N, C-alpha and C. Protein backbone atom coordinates (compact mmCIF):
# COMPACT_ATOMS: atom_id res chain seq x y z
N UNK A 1 -10.04 -12.51 -71.32
CA UNK A 1 -9.89 -13.83 -70.68
C UNK A 1 -9.16 -14.78 -71.62
N UNK A 2 -8.36 -15.64 -71.03
CA UNK A 2 -7.70 -16.69 -71.81
C UNK A 2 -8.00 -18.04 -71.18
N UNK A 3 -8.55 -18.95 -72.01
CA UNK A 3 -8.83 -20.31 -71.57
C UNK A 3 -7.71 -21.22 -72.04
N UNK A 4 -7.14 -21.97 -71.11
CA UNK A 4 -6.15 -22.99 -71.45
C UNK A 4 -6.87 -24.33 -71.53
N UNK A 5 -6.67 -25.04 -72.64
CA UNK A 5 -7.41 -26.28 -72.86
C UNK A 5 -6.49 -27.35 -73.46
N UNK A 6 -6.99 -28.58 -73.40
CA UNK A 6 -6.36 -29.69 -74.11
C UNK A 6 -7.47 -30.42 -74.85
N UNK A 7 -7.23 -30.85 -76.08
CA UNK A 7 -8.27 -31.51 -76.87
C UNK A 7 -8.86 -32.72 -76.17
N UNK A 8 -10.19 -32.85 -76.29
CA UNK A 8 -10.88 -34.02 -75.76
C UNK A 8 -11.17 -34.00 -74.29
N UNK A 9 -10.67 -33.00 -73.57
CA UNK A 9 -10.86 -32.95 -72.12
C UNK A 9 -12.09 -32.13 -71.75
N UNK A 10 -12.41 -32.11 -70.46
CA UNK A 10 -13.57 -31.35 -70.00
C UNK A 10 -13.35 -29.85 -70.13
N UNK A 11 -12.13 -29.42 -70.44
CA UNK A 11 -11.90 -28.00 -70.68
C UNK A 11 -12.72 -27.49 -71.86
N UNK A 12 -13.10 -28.39 -72.78
CA UNK A 12 -13.92 -27.97 -73.91
C UNK A 12 -15.30 -27.50 -73.46
N UNK A 13 -15.77 -28.00 -72.31
CA UNK A 13 -17.06 -27.55 -71.78
C UNK A 13 -17.00 -26.06 -71.47
N UNK A 14 -15.89 -25.62 -70.90
CA UNK A 14 -15.72 -24.19 -70.60
C UNK A 14 -15.64 -23.38 -71.88
N UNK A 15 -15.02 -23.91 -72.88
CA UNK A 15 -14.92 -23.23 -74.17
C UNK A 15 -16.32 -23.05 -74.77
N UNK A 16 -17.12 -24.12 -74.74
CA UNK A 16 -18.50 -24.04 -75.24
C UNK A 16 -19.28 -23.00 -74.45
N UNK A 17 -19.14 -23.01 -73.14
CA UNK A 17 -19.86 -22.05 -72.30
C UNK A 17 -19.45 -20.61 -72.62
N UNK A 18 -18.17 -20.39 -72.87
CA UNK A 18 -17.70 -19.05 -73.24
C UNK A 18 -18.35 -18.59 -74.55
N UNK A 19 -18.49 -19.52 -75.49
CA UNK A 19 -19.16 -19.19 -76.74
C UNK A 19 -20.63 -18.86 -76.50
N UNK A 20 -21.30 -19.69 -75.74
CA UNK A 20 -22.72 -19.45 -75.43
C UNK A 20 -22.90 -18.11 -74.72
N UNK A 21 -21.94 -17.76 -73.88
CA UNK A 21 -22.04 -16.53 -73.10
C UNK A 21 -21.74 -15.29 -73.94
N UNK A 22 -21.15 -15.47 -75.11
CA UNK A 22 -20.74 -14.33 -75.91
C UNK A 22 -19.59 -13.58 -75.27
N UNK A 23 -18.73 -14.32 -74.57
CA UNK A 23 -17.62 -13.70 -73.82
C UNK A 23 -16.50 -13.26 -74.76
N UNK A 24 -15.73 -12.31 -74.28
CA UNK A 24 -14.53 -11.84 -74.98
C UNK A 24 -13.36 -12.66 -74.44
N UNK A 25 -12.85 -13.60 -75.22
CA UNK A 25 -11.84 -14.53 -74.73
C UNK A 25 -10.97 -15.03 -75.86
N UNK A 26 -9.87 -15.65 -75.49
CA UNK A 26 -9.05 -16.41 -76.42
C UNK A 26 -8.86 -17.80 -75.81
N UNK A 27 -8.55 -18.77 -76.66
CA UNK A 27 -8.31 -20.14 -76.19
C UNK A 27 -6.92 -20.57 -76.63
N UNK A 28 -6.18 -21.17 -75.71
CA UNK A 28 -4.81 -21.61 -76.01
C UNK A 28 -4.65 -23.09 -75.68
N UNK A 29 -4.21 -23.84 -76.66
CA UNK A 29 -3.95 -25.27 -76.47
C UNK A 29 -2.67 -25.45 -75.69
N UNK A 30 -2.69 -26.35 -74.70
CA UNK A 30 -1.52 -26.58 -73.87
C UNK A 30 -1.27 -28.07 -73.69
N UNK A 31 -0.07 -28.38 -73.28
CA UNK A 31 0.28 -29.72 -72.80
C UNK A 31 0.24 -29.67 -71.28
N UNK A 32 -0.79 -30.27 -70.66
CA UNK A 32 -0.92 -30.16 -69.21
C UNK A 32 0.27 -30.67 -68.43
N UNK A 33 1.07 -31.54 -69.03
CA UNK A 33 2.22 -32.13 -68.33
C UNK A 33 3.48 -31.28 -68.46
N UNK A 34 3.42 -30.25 -69.26
CA UNK A 34 4.62 -29.46 -69.50
C UNK A 34 4.96 -28.56 -68.32
N UNK A 35 6.24 -28.25 -68.18
CA UNK A 35 6.67 -27.34 -67.12
C UNK A 35 6.06 -25.95 -67.31
N UNK A 36 5.94 -25.54 -68.57
CA UNK A 36 5.38 -24.21 -68.85
C UNK A 36 3.95 -24.11 -68.32
N UNK A 37 3.15 -25.17 -68.56
CA UNK A 37 1.76 -25.11 -68.09
C UNK A 37 1.68 -25.26 -66.58
N UNK A 38 2.56 -26.03 -65.99
CA UNK A 38 2.52 -26.20 -64.53
C UNK A 38 2.84 -24.89 -63.80
N UNK A 39 3.47 -23.97 -64.49
CA UNK A 39 3.65 -22.65 -63.88
C UNK A 39 2.34 -21.87 -63.87
N UNK A 40 1.42 -22.25 -64.76
CA UNK A 40 0.09 -21.63 -64.77
C UNK A 40 -0.82 -22.35 -63.79
N UNK A 41 -0.82 -23.68 -63.84
CA UNK A 41 -1.60 -24.50 -62.91
C UNK A 41 -0.70 -25.61 -62.38
N UNK A 42 -0.20 -25.49 -61.16
CA UNK A 42 0.71 -26.49 -60.61
C UNK A 42 0.14 -27.91 -60.57
N UNK A 43 -1.19 -28.04 -60.58
CA UNK A 43 -1.80 -29.37 -60.58
C UNK A 43 -1.65 -30.06 -61.93
N UNK A 44 -1.34 -29.30 -62.96
CA UNK A 44 -1.16 -29.89 -64.28
C UNK A 44 -2.45 -30.41 -64.88
N UNK A 45 -3.57 -29.77 -64.57
CA UNK A 45 -4.86 -30.18 -65.12
C UNK A 45 -5.48 -29.01 -65.88
N UNK A 46 -6.30 -29.34 -66.85
CA UNK A 46 -7.07 -28.33 -67.58
C UNK A 46 -8.55 -28.53 -67.23
N UNK A 47 -9.32 -27.43 -67.31
CA UNK A 47 -8.98 -26.12 -67.83
C UNK A 47 -8.34 -25.22 -66.78
N UNK A 48 -7.84 -24.09 -67.29
CA UNK A 48 -7.48 -22.96 -66.45
C UNK A 48 -7.96 -21.72 -67.19
N UNK A 49 -8.38 -20.73 -66.42
CA UNK A 49 -8.90 -19.50 -67.02
C UNK A 49 -8.18 -18.31 -66.41
N UNK A 50 -7.50 -17.56 -67.25
CA UNK A 50 -6.77 -16.38 -66.82
C UNK A 50 -7.64 -15.15 -67.06
N UNK A 51 -8.03 -14.46 -65.98
CA UNK A 51 -8.82 -13.24 -66.11
C UNK A 51 -8.00 -12.01 -65.68
N UNK A 52 -6.69 -12.21 -65.56
CA UNK A 52 -5.82 -11.11 -65.18
C UNK A 52 -5.61 -10.97 -63.69
N UNK A 53 -6.04 -11.99 -62.93
CA UNK A 53 -5.86 -11.97 -61.49
C UNK A 53 -4.49 -12.46 -61.08
N UNK A 54 -4.26 -12.62 -59.76
CA UNK A 54 -2.95 -13.07 -59.28
C UNK A 54 -2.62 -14.50 -59.69
N UNK A 55 -3.63 -15.29 -59.98
CA UNK A 55 -3.40 -16.65 -60.47
C UNK A 55 -4.57 -17.05 -61.36
N UNK A 56 -4.35 -18.06 -62.19
CA UNK A 56 -5.41 -18.53 -63.07
C UNK A 56 -6.46 -19.29 -62.27
N UNK A 57 -7.70 -19.18 -62.70
CA UNK A 57 -8.78 -19.97 -62.12
C UNK A 57 -8.65 -21.41 -62.62
N UNK A 58 -9.00 -22.36 -61.76
CA UNK A 58 -8.96 -23.77 -62.15
C UNK A 58 -10.25 -24.47 -61.73
N UNK A 59 -10.39 -25.73 -62.13
CA UNK A 59 -11.53 -26.60 -61.86
C UNK A 59 -12.71 -26.26 -62.79
N UNK A 60 -13.07 -27.22 -63.62
CA UNK A 60 -14.07 -26.98 -64.67
C UNK A 60 -15.40 -26.49 -64.12
N UNK A 61 -15.92 -27.14 -63.07
CA UNK A 61 -17.24 -26.74 -62.57
C UNK A 61 -17.21 -25.32 -62.01
N UNK A 62 -16.14 -24.94 -61.35
CA UNK A 62 -16.03 -23.59 -60.80
C UNK A 62 -15.92 -22.56 -61.93
N UNK A 63 -15.15 -22.87 -62.96
CA UNK A 63 -15.01 -21.96 -64.09
C UNK A 63 -16.35 -21.82 -64.81
N UNK A 64 -17.05 -22.93 -65.00
CA UNK A 64 -18.36 -22.89 -65.66
C UNK A 64 -19.32 -21.99 -64.89
N UNK A 65 -19.33 -22.11 -63.57
CA UNK A 65 -20.22 -21.27 -62.78
C UNK A 65 -19.82 -19.80 -62.85
N UNK A 66 -18.52 -19.55 -62.90
CA UNK A 66 -18.05 -18.17 -63.05
C UNK A 66 -18.55 -17.58 -64.37
N UNK A 67 -18.44 -18.35 -65.44
CA UNK A 67 -18.91 -17.88 -66.75
C UNK A 67 -20.40 -17.57 -66.70
N UNK A 68 -21.18 -18.46 -66.09
CA UNK A 68 -22.63 -18.25 -66.01
C UNK A 68 -22.95 -17.01 -65.19
N UNK A 69 -22.26 -16.83 -64.07
CA UNK A 69 -22.57 -15.72 -63.17
C UNK A 69 -22.14 -14.37 -63.74
N UNK A 70 -21.11 -14.36 -64.56
CA UNK A 70 -20.65 -13.10 -65.12
C UNK A 70 -21.36 -12.75 -66.44
N UNK A 71 -22.22 -13.63 -66.91
CA UNK A 71 -23.01 -13.37 -68.11
C UNK A 71 -24.46 -13.76 -67.85
N UNK A 72 -25.09 -13.13 -66.85
CA UNK A 72 -26.43 -13.56 -66.42
C UNK A 72 -27.49 -13.43 -67.51
N UNK A 73 -27.27 -12.51 -68.46
CA UNK A 73 -28.26 -12.30 -69.51
C UNK A 73 -28.41 -13.52 -70.42
N UNK A 74 -27.42 -14.42 -70.40
CA UNK A 74 -27.49 -15.63 -71.24
C UNK A 74 -28.18 -16.80 -70.54
N UNK A 75 -28.50 -16.66 -69.29
CA UNK A 75 -29.27 -17.65 -68.52
C UNK A 75 -28.64 -19.05 -68.61
N UNK A 76 -27.37 -19.12 -68.34
CA UNK A 76 -26.66 -20.40 -68.40
C UNK A 76 -26.52 -21.05 -67.03
N UNK A 77 -26.93 -20.34 -65.98
CA UNK A 77 -26.74 -20.83 -64.63
C UNK A 77 -28.04 -21.06 -63.89
N UNK A 78 -27.93 -20.99 -62.58
CA UNK A 78 -29.06 -21.30 -61.70
C UNK A 78 -30.03 -20.12 -61.64
N UNK A 79 -31.29 -20.44 -61.50
CA UNK A 79 -32.33 -19.43 -61.32
C UNK A 79 -33.30 -19.90 -60.25
N UNK A 80 -33.88 -18.97 -59.51
CA UNK A 80 -34.91 -19.33 -58.55
C UNK A 80 -34.42 -19.37 -57.12
N UNK A 81 -35.25 -19.98 -56.26
CA UNK A 81 -35.00 -20.01 -54.83
C UNK A 81 -34.04 -21.10 -54.40
N UNK A 82 -34.02 -21.34 -53.08
CA UNK A 82 -33.03 -22.24 -52.49
C UNK A 82 -33.14 -23.66 -53.04
N UNK A 83 -34.33 -24.17 -53.22
CA UNK A 83 -34.48 -25.55 -53.69
C UNK A 83 -34.02 -25.69 -55.14
N UNK A 84 -34.30 -24.69 -55.96
CA UNK A 84 -33.85 -24.75 -57.34
C UNK A 84 -32.34 -24.57 -57.43
N UNK A 85 -31.78 -23.74 -56.56
CA UNK A 85 -30.32 -23.60 -56.52
C UNK A 85 -29.68 -24.90 -56.07
N UNK A 86 -30.32 -25.58 -55.10
CA UNK A 86 -29.81 -26.88 -54.67
C UNK A 86 -29.84 -27.88 -55.81
N UNK A 87 -30.94 -27.93 -56.56
CA UNK A 87 -31.07 -28.89 -57.65
C UNK A 87 -29.97 -28.69 -58.69
N UNK A 88 -29.65 -27.43 -58.97
CA UNK A 88 -28.60 -27.15 -59.95
C UNK A 88 -27.24 -27.55 -59.39
N UNK A 89 -26.99 -27.21 -58.12
CA UNK A 89 -25.72 -27.58 -57.49
C UNK A 89 -25.58 -29.10 -57.43
N UNK A 90 -26.69 -29.79 -57.18
CA UNK A 90 -26.68 -31.25 -57.13
C UNK A 90 -26.30 -31.84 -58.48
N UNK A 91 -26.85 -31.26 -59.54
CA UNK A 91 -26.52 -31.74 -60.89
C UNK A 91 -25.05 -31.55 -61.20
N UNK A 92 -24.52 -30.38 -60.89
CA UNK A 92 -23.10 -30.12 -61.14
C UNK A 92 -22.22 -31.02 -60.27
N UNK A 93 -22.65 -31.25 -59.03
CA UNK A 93 -21.88 -32.13 -58.14
C UNK A 93 -21.86 -33.56 -58.68
N UNK A 94 -22.96 -34.00 -59.25
CA UNK A 94 -23.00 -35.33 -59.88
C UNK A 94 -22.01 -35.40 -61.04
N UNK A 95 -22.01 -34.37 -61.88
CA UNK A 95 -21.11 -34.38 -63.03
C UNK A 95 -19.65 -34.35 -62.60
N UNK A 96 -19.35 -33.60 -61.55
CA UNK A 96 -17.97 -33.50 -61.07
C UNK A 96 -17.56 -34.69 -60.22
N UNK A 97 -18.44 -35.10 -59.31
CA UNK A 97 -18.06 -36.08 -58.30
C UNK A 97 -18.36 -37.53 -58.64
N UNK A 98 -19.27 -37.76 -59.58
CA UNK A 98 -19.63 -39.13 -59.96
C UNK A 98 -19.34 -39.42 -61.42
N UNK A 99 -19.81 -38.54 -62.29
CA UNK A 99 -19.69 -38.79 -63.72
C UNK A 99 -18.23 -38.79 -64.17
N UNK A 100 -17.53 -37.72 -63.89
CA UNK A 100 -16.13 -37.60 -64.30
C UNK A 100 -15.26 -38.72 -63.71
N UNK A 101 -15.31 -38.97 -62.39
CA UNK A 101 -14.46 -40.02 -61.82
C UNK A 101 -14.76 -41.42 -62.33
N UNK A 102 -15.97 -41.65 -62.83
CA UNK A 102 -16.30 -42.98 -63.33
C UNK A 102 -15.39 -43.38 -64.48
N UNK A 103 -14.85 -42.40 -65.19
CA UNK A 103 -13.99 -42.69 -66.34
C UNK A 103 -12.52 -42.84 -65.96
N UNK A 104 -12.15 -42.44 -64.77
CA UNK A 104 -10.74 -42.45 -64.40
C UNK A 104 -10.10 -43.83 -64.52
N UNK A 105 -10.72 -44.90 -64.01
CA UNK A 105 -10.08 -46.22 -64.15
C UNK A 105 -9.93 -46.64 -65.61
N UNK A 106 -10.81 -46.16 -66.46
CA UNK A 106 -10.73 -46.53 -67.88
C UNK A 106 -9.55 -45.82 -68.55
N UNK A 107 -9.40 -44.53 -68.27
CA UNK A 107 -8.34 -43.76 -68.92
C UNK A 107 -6.98 -43.88 -68.22
N UNK A 108 -7.00 -44.11 -66.92
CA UNK A 108 -5.75 -44.17 -66.15
C UNK A 108 -5.73 -45.40 -65.25
N UNK A 109 -5.78 -46.59 -65.83
CA UNK A 109 -5.88 -47.80 -65.02
C UNK A 109 -4.70 -48.02 -64.09
N UNK A 110 -3.53 -47.47 -64.43
CA UNK A 110 -2.33 -47.66 -63.61
C UNK A 110 -2.49 -47.06 -62.22
N UNK A 111 -3.45 -46.16 -62.06
CA UNK A 111 -3.68 -45.56 -60.74
C UNK A 111 -4.38 -46.52 -59.78
N UNK A 112 -4.96 -47.58 -60.33
CA UNK A 112 -5.85 -48.43 -59.52
C UNK A 112 -5.33 -49.85 -59.35
N UNK A 113 -4.07 -50.06 -59.66
CA UNK A 113 -3.47 -51.36 -59.44
C UNK A 113 -1.97 -51.20 -59.29
N UNK A 114 -1.37 -52.11 -58.52
CA UNK A 114 0.08 -52.08 -58.39
C UNK A 114 0.74 -52.91 -59.48
N UNK A 115 -0.05 -53.61 -60.26
CA UNK A 115 0.48 -54.42 -61.35
C UNK A 115 0.69 -53.56 -62.58
N UNK A 116 1.64 -53.96 -63.40
CA UNK A 116 1.98 -53.18 -64.58
C UNK A 116 1.75 -53.94 -65.88
N UNK A 117 1.37 -55.22 -65.79
CA UNK A 117 1.16 -55.99 -67.01
C UNK A 117 -0.15 -55.56 -67.67
N UNK A 118 -0.22 -55.72 -68.97
CA UNK A 118 -1.36 -55.24 -69.74
C UNK A 118 -2.66 -55.94 -69.35
N UNK A 119 -2.58 -57.21 -68.99
CA UNK A 119 -3.79 -57.94 -68.60
C UNK A 119 -4.43 -57.31 -67.36
N UNK A 120 -3.62 -56.93 -66.41
CA UNK A 120 -4.13 -56.31 -65.18
C UNK A 120 -4.71 -54.93 -65.48
N UNK A 121 -4.03 -54.17 -66.32
CA UNK A 121 -4.53 -52.84 -66.67
C UNK A 121 -5.85 -52.95 -67.43
N UNK A 122 -5.95 -53.94 -68.31
CA UNK A 122 -7.18 -54.13 -69.06
C UNK A 122 -8.32 -54.54 -68.14
N UNK A 123 -8.02 -55.32 -67.11
CA UNK A 123 -9.05 -55.71 -66.15
C UNK A 123 -9.61 -54.49 -65.42
N UNK A 124 -8.74 -53.54 -65.10
CA UNK A 124 -9.20 -52.31 -64.45
C UNK A 124 -10.10 -51.53 -65.41
N UNK A 125 -9.69 -51.43 -66.67
CA UNK A 125 -10.50 -50.72 -67.66
C UNK A 125 -11.89 -51.34 -67.76
N UNK A 126 -11.92 -52.65 -67.82
CA UNK A 126 -13.21 -53.34 -67.97
C UNK A 126 -14.07 -53.19 -66.72
N UNK A 127 -13.43 -53.10 -65.55
CA UNK A 127 -14.19 -52.91 -64.32
C UNK A 127 -14.87 -51.54 -64.30
N UNK A 128 -14.34 -50.59 -65.06
CA UNK A 128 -14.93 -49.25 -65.11
C UNK A 128 -16.23 -49.24 -65.89
N UNK A 129 -16.46 -50.22 -66.74
CA UNK A 129 -17.64 -50.20 -67.60
C UNK A 129 -18.94 -50.12 -66.81
N UNK A 130 -19.04 -50.88 -65.73
CA UNK A 130 -20.27 -50.91 -64.95
C UNK A 130 -20.53 -49.56 -64.28
N UNK A 131 -19.48 -48.94 -63.77
CA UNK A 131 -19.64 -47.63 -63.13
C UNK A 131 -20.03 -46.58 -64.15
N UNK A 132 -19.43 -46.63 -65.33
CA UNK A 132 -19.78 -45.68 -66.39
C UNK A 132 -21.23 -45.88 -66.81
N UNK A 133 -21.64 -47.13 -66.93
CA UNK A 133 -23.03 -47.40 -67.29
C UNK A 133 -23.99 -46.82 -66.24
N UNK A 134 -23.63 -46.90 -64.98
CA UNK A 134 -24.48 -46.37 -63.91
C UNK A 134 -24.65 -44.86 -64.02
N UNK A 135 -23.55 -44.15 -64.26
CA UNK A 135 -23.68 -42.69 -64.34
C UNK A 135 -24.34 -42.26 -65.65
N UNK A 136 -24.13 -43.01 -66.72
CA UNK A 136 -24.81 -42.70 -67.97
C UNK A 136 -26.31 -42.92 -67.83
N UNK A 137 -26.69 -43.96 -67.12
CA UNK A 137 -28.11 -44.22 -66.88
C UNK A 137 -28.72 -43.11 -66.05
N UNK A 138 -27.98 -42.62 -65.06
CA UNK A 138 -28.48 -41.51 -64.24
C UNK A 138 -28.62 -40.25 -65.09
N UNK A 139 -27.64 -39.98 -65.94
CA UNK A 139 -27.72 -38.83 -66.83
C UNK A 139 -28.93 -38.95 -67.75
N UNK A 140 -29.19 -40.13 -68.23
CA UNK A 140 -30.35 -40.38 -69.09
C UNK A 140 -31.63 -39.99 -68.36
N UNK A 141 -31.69 -40.30 -67.07
CA UNK A 141 -32.85 -39.94 -66.27
C UNK A 141 -32.96 -38.45 -66.04
N UNK A 142 -31.84 -37.78 -65.85
CA UNK A 142 -31.87 -36.32 -65.66
C UNK A 142 -32.41 -35.63 -66.90
N UNK A 143 -32.03 -36.10 -68.06
CA UNK A 143 -32.48 -35.49 -69.31
C UNK A 143 -33.96 -35.78 -69.54
N UNK A 144 -34.39 -36.98 -69.22
CA UNK A 144 -35.79 -37.34 -69.39
C UNK A 144 -36.24 -37.19 -70.83
N UNK A 145 -37.43 -36.62 -71.01
CA UNK A 145 -37.98 -36.50 -72.35
C UNK A 145 -37.55 -35.27 -73.10
N UNK A 146 -36.67 -34.47 -72.52
CA UNK A 146 -36.24 -33.23 -73.16
C UNK A 146 -34.90 -33.36 -73.86
N UNK A 147 -34.23 -32.22 -74.01
CA UNK A 147 -32.93 -32.21 -74.68
C UNK A 147 -31.91 -31.43 -73.86
N UNK A 148 -32.19 -31.25 -72.56
CA UNK A 148 -31.27 -30.54 -71.69
C UNK A 148 -31.09 -31.33 -70.39
N UNK A 149 -29.95 -31.08 -69.74
CA UNK A 149 -29.62 -31.81 -68.51
C UNK A 149 -30.36 -31.27 -67.31
N UNK A 150 -30.61 -29.96 -67.29
CA UNK A 150 -31.22 -29.34 -66.11
C UNK A 150 -32.27 -28.32 -66.48
N UNK A 151 -33.39 -28.38 -65.81
CA UNK A 151 -34.42 -27.34 -65.83
C UNK A 151 -35.05 -27.12 -67.21
N UNK A 152 -34.89 -28.07 -68.11
CA UNK A 152 -35.51 -27.95 -69.42
C UNK A 152 -34.99 -26.82 -70.28
N UNK A 153 -33.79 -26.33 -69.99
CA UNK A 153 -33.21 -25.24 -70.76
C UNK A 153 -31.70 -25.40 -70.83
N UNK A 154 -31.09 -24.65 -71.73
CA UNK A 154 -29.65 -24.73 -71.89
C UNK A 154 -28.94 -24.10 -70.70
N UNK A 155 -28.02 -24.85 -70.12
CA UNK A 155 -27.21 -24.35 -69.01
C UNK A 155 -25.78 -24.87 -69.19
N UNK A 156 -24.91 -24.43 -68.30
CA UNK A 156 -23.54 -24.92 -68.33
C UNK A 156 -23.47 -26.42 -68.10
N UNK A 157 -24.49 -27.00 -67.47
CA UNK A 157 -24.51 -28.45 -67.26
C UNK A 157 -24.57 -29.20 -68.59
N UNK A 158 -25.21 -28.61 -69.59
CA UNK A 158 -25.26 -29.25 -70.90
C UNK A 158 -23.86 -29.38 -71.49
N UNK A 159 -23.10 -28.29 -71.43
CA UNK A 159 -21.75 -28.32 -71.99
C UNK A 159 -20.88 -29.34 -71.27
N UNK A 160 -20.99 -29.38 -69.95
CA UNK A 160 -20.19 -30.29 -69.14
C UNK A 160 -20.53 -31.75 -69.45
N UNK A 161 -21.82 -32.06 -69.45
CA UNK A 161 -22.25 -33.44 -69.70
C UNK A 161 -21.90 -33.87 -71.12
N UNK A 162 -22.07 -32.99 -72.08
CA UNK A 162 -21.81 -33.34 -73.47
C UNK A 162 -20.37 -33.76 -73.69
N UNK A 163 -19.45 -32.95 -73.20
CA UNK A 163 -18.03 -33.23 -73.43
C UNK A 163 -17.64 -34.57 -72.81
N UNK A 164 -18.12 -34.84 -71.62
CA UNK A 164 -17.73 -36.09 -70.96
C UNK A 164 -18.45 -37.30 -71.54
N UNK A 165 -19.72 -37.15 -71.93
CA UNK A 165 -20.44 -38.28 -72.52
C UNK A 165 -19.80 -38.73 -73.83
N UNK A 166 -19.11 -37.82 -74.51
CA UNK A 166 -18.41 -38.18 -75.73
C UNK A 166 -17.32 -39.22 -75.48
N UNK A 167 -16.83 -39.28 -74.26
CA UNK A 167 -15.78 -40.24 -73.94
C UNK A 167 -16.24 -41.68 -74.12
N UNK A 168 -17.55 -41.92 -74.06
CA UNK A 168 -18.04 -43.29 -74.21
C UNK A 168 -17.82 -43.82 -75.63
N UNK A 169 -17.44 -42.95 -76.55
CA UNK A 169 -17.13 -43.42 -77.91
C UNK A 169 -16.04 -44.49 -77.89
N UNK A 170 -15.25 -44.51 -76.83
CA UNK A 170 -14.15 -45.47 -76.74
C UNK A 170 -14.54 -46.74 -75.99
N UNK A 171 -15.81 -46.84 -75.62
CA UNK A 171 -16.30 -48.01 -74.89
C UNK A 171 -17.22 -48.84 -75.78
N UNK A 172 -17.43 -50.12 -75.41
CA UNK A 172 -18.36 -50.94 -76.19
C UNK A 172 -19.78 -50.37 -76.19
N UNK A 173 -20.20 -49.76 -75.06
CA UNK A 173 -21.53 -49.18 -74.93
C UNK A 173 -21.40 -47.66 -74.96
N UNK A 174 -21.75 -47.07 -76.09
CA UNK A 174 -21.57 -45.63 -76.27
C UNK A 174 -22.83 -44.88 -75.83
N UNK A 175 -22.76 -43.55 -75.93
CA UNK A 175 -23.91 -42.72 -75.56
C UNK A 175 -25.15 -43.03 -76.39
N UNK A 176 -24.97 -43.62 -77.55
CA UNK A 176 -26.11 -43.92 -78.42
C UNK A 176 -27.03 -44.99 -77.83
N UNK A 177 -26.52 -45.73 -76.84
CA UNK A 177 -27.31 -46.79 -76.22
C UNK A 177 -28.30 -46.26 -75.18
N UNK A 178 -28.23 -44.98 -74.88
CA UNK A 178 -29.11 -44.36 -73.88
C UNK A 178 -30.01 -43.37 -74.61
N UNK A 179 -31.29 -43.68 -74.77
CA UNK A 179 -32.14 -42.91 -75.69
C UNK A 179 -32.23 -41.42 -75.39
N UNK A 180 -32.34 -41.05 -74.13
CA UNK A 180 -32.44 -39.62 -73.80
C UNK A 180 -31.10 -38.92 -73.99
N UNK A 181 -30.03 -39.60 -73.61
CA UNK A 181 -28.70 -39.04 -73.82
C UNK A 181 -28.43 -38.89 -75.32
N UNK A 182 -28.85 -39.88 -76.10
CA UNK A 182 -28.63 -39.82 -77.55
C UNK A 182 -29.34 -38.61 -78.15
N UNK A 183 -30.56 -38.35 -77.73
CA UNK A 183 -31.30 -37.20 -78.23
C UNK A 183 -30.61 -35.89 -77.82
N UNK A 184 -30.14 -35.84 -76.60
CA UNK A 184 -29.39 -34.68 -76.10
C UNK A 184 -28.11 -34.47 -76.89
N UNK A 185 -27.35 -35.54 -77.10
CA UNK A 185 -26.07 -35.43 -77.79
C UNK A 185 -26.27 -34.98 -79.24
N UNK A 186 -27.29 -35.49 -79.89
CA UNK A 186 -27.54 -35.10 -81.28
C UNK A 186 -27.93 -33.63 -81.36
N UNK A 187 -28.70 -33.16 -80.37
CA UNK A 187 -29.06 -31.74 -80.32
C UNK A 187 -27.82 -30.88 -80.11
N UNK A 188 -26.96 -31.31 -79.21
CA UNK A 188 -25.74 -30.55 -78.96
C UNK A 188 -24.84 -30.51 -80.19
N UNK A 189 -24.75 -31.61 -80.90
CA UNK A 189 -23.89 -31.67 -82.08
C UNK A 189 -24.38 -30.74 -83.18
N UNK A 190 -25.68 -30.42 -83.16
CA UNK A 190 -26.24 -29.50 -84.14
C UNK A 190 -26.07 -28.04 -83.73
N UNK A 191 -25.57 -27.79 -82.53
CA UNK A 191 -25.38 -26.43 -82.04
C UNK A 191 -24.16 -25.81 -82.73
N UNK A 192 -24.33 -24.65 -83.38
CA UNK A 192 -23.20 -24.05 -84.11
C UNK A 192 -21.99 -23.76 -83.22
N UNK A 193 -22.22 -23.32 -81.98
CA UNK A 193 -21.10 -23.02 -81.09
C UNK A 193 -20.34 -24.29 -80.73
N UNK A 194 -21.07 -25.35 -80.48
CA UNK A 194 -20.44 -26.63 -80.15
C UNK A 194 -19.62 -27.13 -81.34
N UNK A 195 -20.19 -27.06 -82.52
CA UNK A 195 -19.49 -27.49 -83.72
C UNK A 195 -18.21 -26.68 -83.92
N UNK A 196 -18.30 -25.38 -83.70
CA UNK A 196 -17.12 -24.52 -83.86
C UNK A 196 -16.02 -24.88 -82.88
N UNK A 197 -16.39 -25.10 -81.62
CA UNK A 197 -15.40 -25.45 -80.60
C UNK A 197 -14.73 -26.78 -80.93
N UNK A 198 -15.52 -27.77 -81.31
CA UNK A 198 -14.95 -29.08 -81.63
C UNK A 198 -13.99 -28.99 -82.80
N UNK A 199 -14.36 -28.22 -83.82
CA UNK A 199 -13.48 -28.08 -84.98
C UNK A 199 -12.19 -27.36 -84.62
N UNK A 200 -12.30 -26.27 -83.88
CA UNK A 200 -11.11 -25.49 -83.54
C UNK A 200 -10.21 -26.25 -82.58
N UNK A 201 -10.79 -27.06 -81.71
CA UNK A 201 -9.97 -27.80 -80.73
C UNK A 201 -9.14 -28.88 -81.39
N UNK A 202 -9.54 -29.31 -82.57
CA UNK A 202 -8.79 -30.35 -83.30
C UNK A 202 -7.66 -29.75 -84.12
N UNK A 203 -7.69 -28.45 -84.31
CA UNK A 203 -6.69 -27.79 -85.17
C UNK A 203 -5.30 -27.83 -84.55
C-alpha cells in the first residue's frame, strides 16, 4: 500500500492508523495542487491510498475504516451490535461532517466571501472561532474522563480527532483550553507511532 499525504493535513490520521495496524505500506509526500497528484486523485485532496486497484482510495474516514477492517486483530474499528456500530459511525460522521468543516472558513476564508480585502477575510476567519469552539466542546464531551474518543479504547477516531485538534494551535483558544481534549492530546503525543509519524511528515 502507498499512502499519499501532505504535512499537517488529516492524511496524517491515516498514516497513524497504518502504524497502529502494523500494515505493510509506504508514505509519499505530495503537492495536492499539482497536476501529477491530480492524476492520482482528480479532486486534489489528501489522503489517497493506493492498494493496487483500478484507482486510488480517497476520503480520510473511508480510508481509516478500510485500515481498521483489514486489520481486525488491532481492534481499531467498531465492535458489537447495531447500536454500538451506530455510535461509532456517529462519531466518525461528527469528525467528518462537523469537526473538519468547522475549520474551513479559518483556513480558506476566500471561499466564504466575495470580498478580497484582508479585513473581510479576517472577519471570516474570526467568525469561524465560535464554530470551532462548539465542535471542540463536543469532542471534549465525547472523551469525557478517559483518554480516547470512542468506547474507552484506541480506535481510528483517536487518530482522526488528534490530527485535526492540532489545528487549534493557530487559534487564540487552543486544544489546551479543553481539559478532556488536553488529556487526550497529551496521551497521543506520548504514543511512539504518533511521534514517529509527526517527525517523518516534517522531513
